[in-house]
Protein backbone atom coordinates (compact mmCIF):
# COMPACT_ATOMS: atom_id res chain seq x y z
CA MET A 1 -70.79 51.00 -33.07
CA PRO A 2 -73.29 50.20 -30.28
CA ASP A 3 -72.22 47.90 -27.46
CA SER A 4 -74.65 45.15 -28.49
CA CYS A 5 -72.80 44.66 -31.79
CA HIS A 6 -69.51 43.73 -30.13
CA THR A 7 -68.81 40.27 -28.81
CA VAL A 8 -67.36 39.93 -25.34
CA GLN A 9 -64.15 38.60 -26.85
CA GLU A 10 -63.68 41.73 -28.98
CA ARG A 11 -64.41 44.19 -26.21
CA VAL A 12 -62.80 42.43 -23.29
CA GLY A 13 -59.92 41.18 -25.42
CA ARG A 14 -58.70 44.74 -25.93
CA VAL A 15 -58.61 45.27 -22.18
CA ALA A 16 -57.19 41.89 -21.18
CA ALA A 17 -54.87 41.03 -24.05
CA GLY A 18 -53.40 44.28 -25.31
CA ASP A 19 -51.80 44.50 -28.76
CA ASP A 20 -50.57 40.91 -29.01
CA ARG A 21 -54.12 39.56 -29.10
CA ARG A 22 -53.84 38.49 -32.74
CA ALA A 23 -50.56 36.62 -32.37
CA GLY A 24 -51.03 34.96 -28.99
CA GLY A 25 -54.79 35.13 -28.56
CA ARG A 26 -55.39 31.39 -28.40
CA ASP A 27 -52.52 30.82 -25.96
CA ARG A 28 -53.71 33.70 -23.80
CA MET A 29 -57.26 32.34 -23.79
CA GLU A 30 -56.04 28.88 -22.77
CA THR A 31 -53.93 30.40 -20.00
CA LEU A 32 -56.90 32.40 -18.72
CA LEU A 33 -59.13 29.33 -18.75
CA ALA A 34 -56.49 27.34 -16.86
CA LEU A 35 -56.26 30.11 -14.25
CA ALA A 36 -60.06 30.20 -14.11
CA GLU A 37 -59.94 26.81 -12.38
CA HIS A 38 -59.04 28.76 -9.24
CA LEU A 39 -62.13 30.99 -9.46
CA PRO A 40 -65.47 30.47 -7.72
CA ASP A 41 -67.88 28.36 -9.80
CA ASP A 42 -70.11 31.22 -10.96
CA GLU A 43 -67.16 33.22 -12.28
CA ARG A 44 -65.62 30.17 -13.97
CA VAL A 45 -68.94 29.43 -15.70
CA LEU A 46 -69.17 33.02 -16.94
CA LEU A 47 -65.69 32.90 -18.48
CA ARG A 48 -66.44 29.57 -20.14
CA GLN A 49 -69.59 31.05 -21.66
CA VAL A 50 -67.48 33.85 -23.09
CA PHE A 51 -64.37 32.03 -24.26
CA GLU A 52 -65.46 28.45 -24.91
CA LEU A 53 -69.04 28.93 -26.05
CA GLY A 54 -68.48 32.34 -27.65
CA LEU A 55 -71.63 33.89 -26.21
CA THR A 56 -72.06 37.66 -26.47
CA VAL A 57 -72.80 40.01 -23.57
CA PRO A 58 -76.47 40.45 -24.59
CA GLN A 59 -76.90 36.65 -24.80
CA ILE A 60 -75.41 36.11 -21.36
CA ALA A 61 -77.40 39.03 -19.97
CA ARG A 62 -80.64 37.52 -21.28
CA GLN A 63 -79.81 34.09 -19.87
CA THR A 64 -78.91 35.45 -16.45
CA GLN A 65 -81.56 38.20 -16.48
CA ARG A 66 -78.90 40.81 -15.64
CA PRO A 67 -78.24 44.15 -17.34
CA ARG A 68 -75.65 44.05 -20.14
CA GLY A 69 -73.42 46.53 -18.36
CA HIS A 70 -73.38 44.36 -15.23
CA VAL A 71 -72.29 41.30 -17.20
CA TYR A 72 -69.62 43.22 -19.11
CA ARG A 73 -68.17 44.84 -15.97
CA ARG A 74 -68.16 41.49 -14.21
CA VAL A 75 -66.18 39.87 -17.03
CA GLN A 76 -63.75 42.80 -17.00
CA ARG A 77 -63.22 42.52 -13.24
CA ILE A 78 -62.63 38.77 -13.46
CA LEU A 79 -60.12 39.17 -16.29
CA ARG A 80 -58.31 41.95 -14.46
CA ARG A 81 -58.03 39.70 -11.43
CA LEU A 82 -56.81 36.72 -13.49
CA ASN A 83 -54.16 38.87 -15.14
CA SER A 84 -52.84 40.27 -11.88
CA PRO A 85 -49.42 39.06 -10.72
CA LEU A 86 -50.88 38.46 -7.25
CA PHE A 87 -53.57 36.09 -8.56
CA ARG A 88 -51.03 34.18 -10.64
CA TYR A 89 -48.68 33.90 -7.67
CA VAL A 90 -51.40 32.63 -5.31
CA ALA A 91 -52.77 30.21 -7.90
CA GLY A 92 -49.33 28.71 -8.39
CA HIS A 93 -48.19 28.71 -4.76
CA GLN A 94 -51.34 28.26 -2.69
CA ARG A 95 -50.40 24.79 -1.44
CA ILE A 96 -47.06 25.95 -0.05
CA LEU A 97 -48.23 29.20 1.56
CA PRO A 98 -48.21 29.34 5.37
CA ALA A 99 -51.64 28.48 6.82
CA GLU A 100 -52.28 32.05 8.05
CA LEU A 101 -51.79 33.36 4.50
CA ARG A 102 -53.48 30.49 2.65
CA ALA A 103 -56.98 31.30 3.97
CA ILE A 104 -56.66 34.99 3.12
CA ALA A 105 -55.22 34.16 -0.30
CA GLY A 106 -58.23 32.00 -1.08
CA LEU A 107 -60.80 34.53 0.05
CA ALA A 108 -59.32 37.89 -0.90
CA VAL A 109 -57.28 36.98 -3.98
CA LEU A 110 -58.82 33.90 -5.61
CA ALA A 111 -62.46 34.51 -4.66
CA GLY A 112 -62.08 38.28 -5.03
CA LEU A 113 -63.80 39.18 -1.78
CA SER A 114 -63.38 42.63 -0.26
CA VAL A 115 -61.24 43.13 2.84
CA ARG A 116 -64.38 43.46 4.94
CA GLN A 117 -65.95 40.27 3.54
CA THR A 118 -62.67 38.41 3.99
CA ALA A 119 -62.37 39.62 7.59
CA ARG A 120 -65.90 38.42 8.40
CA ARG A 121 -65.42 35.00 6.85
CA ALA A 122 -61.96 34.46 8.33
CA ARG A 123 -63.00 35.96 11.70
CA LEU A 124 -60.10 38.41 11.62
CA THR A 125 -59.81 42.15 12.02
CA LEU A 126 -59.58 44.40 8.98
CA HIS A 127 -56.01 45.21 10.00
CA GLU A 128 -55.05 41.52 10.09
CA VAL A 129 -56.52 40.95 6.64
CA ARG A 130 -54.79 44.00 5.18
CA SER A 131 -51.47 42.95 6.71
CA ARG A 132 -51.75 39.45 5.26
CA VAL A 133 -52.75 40.72 1.84
CA MET A 134 -49.72 43.02 1.93
CA ALA A 135 -47.52 40.04 2.85
CA LEU A 136 -48.93 38.13 -0.13
CA LYS A 137 -48.21 41.07 -2.41
CA MET A 138 -44.64 41.24 -1.17
CA LEU A 139 -44.18 37.50 -1.73
CA SER A 140 -45.58 37.77 -5.25
CA GLN A 141 -42.99 40.42 -6.13
CA MET A 142 -39.98 38.33 -5.09
């Protein structure tokens, strides 16, 4: 079946939700939307278009004047980030993180910026950013 015939929920749901999509789909969607509150505005709007409004990839692509593949990959990346243990840890613990980790957590984990982009914005070296991201990962596994 061509890509344009699938809704975003059908296609992305297989990637994000796994086999229990039928049983816990609504709960999973509500959890994802709650976590989406920690995303940048443009990413949060995109997820709401998908899960609350039920728009398809071609509809969103037309509205945003972006290629379908770009929209689909963007939704996939956002969902992968939301489902990561690191994102969930930072979202739940951001207020209690030490100041030197809090800024990096917001930029690299919640906003999804690259190490280089995070280093520029935080005015840190790449090594400092990598070290702090590694510290966050270690904390999230405790």
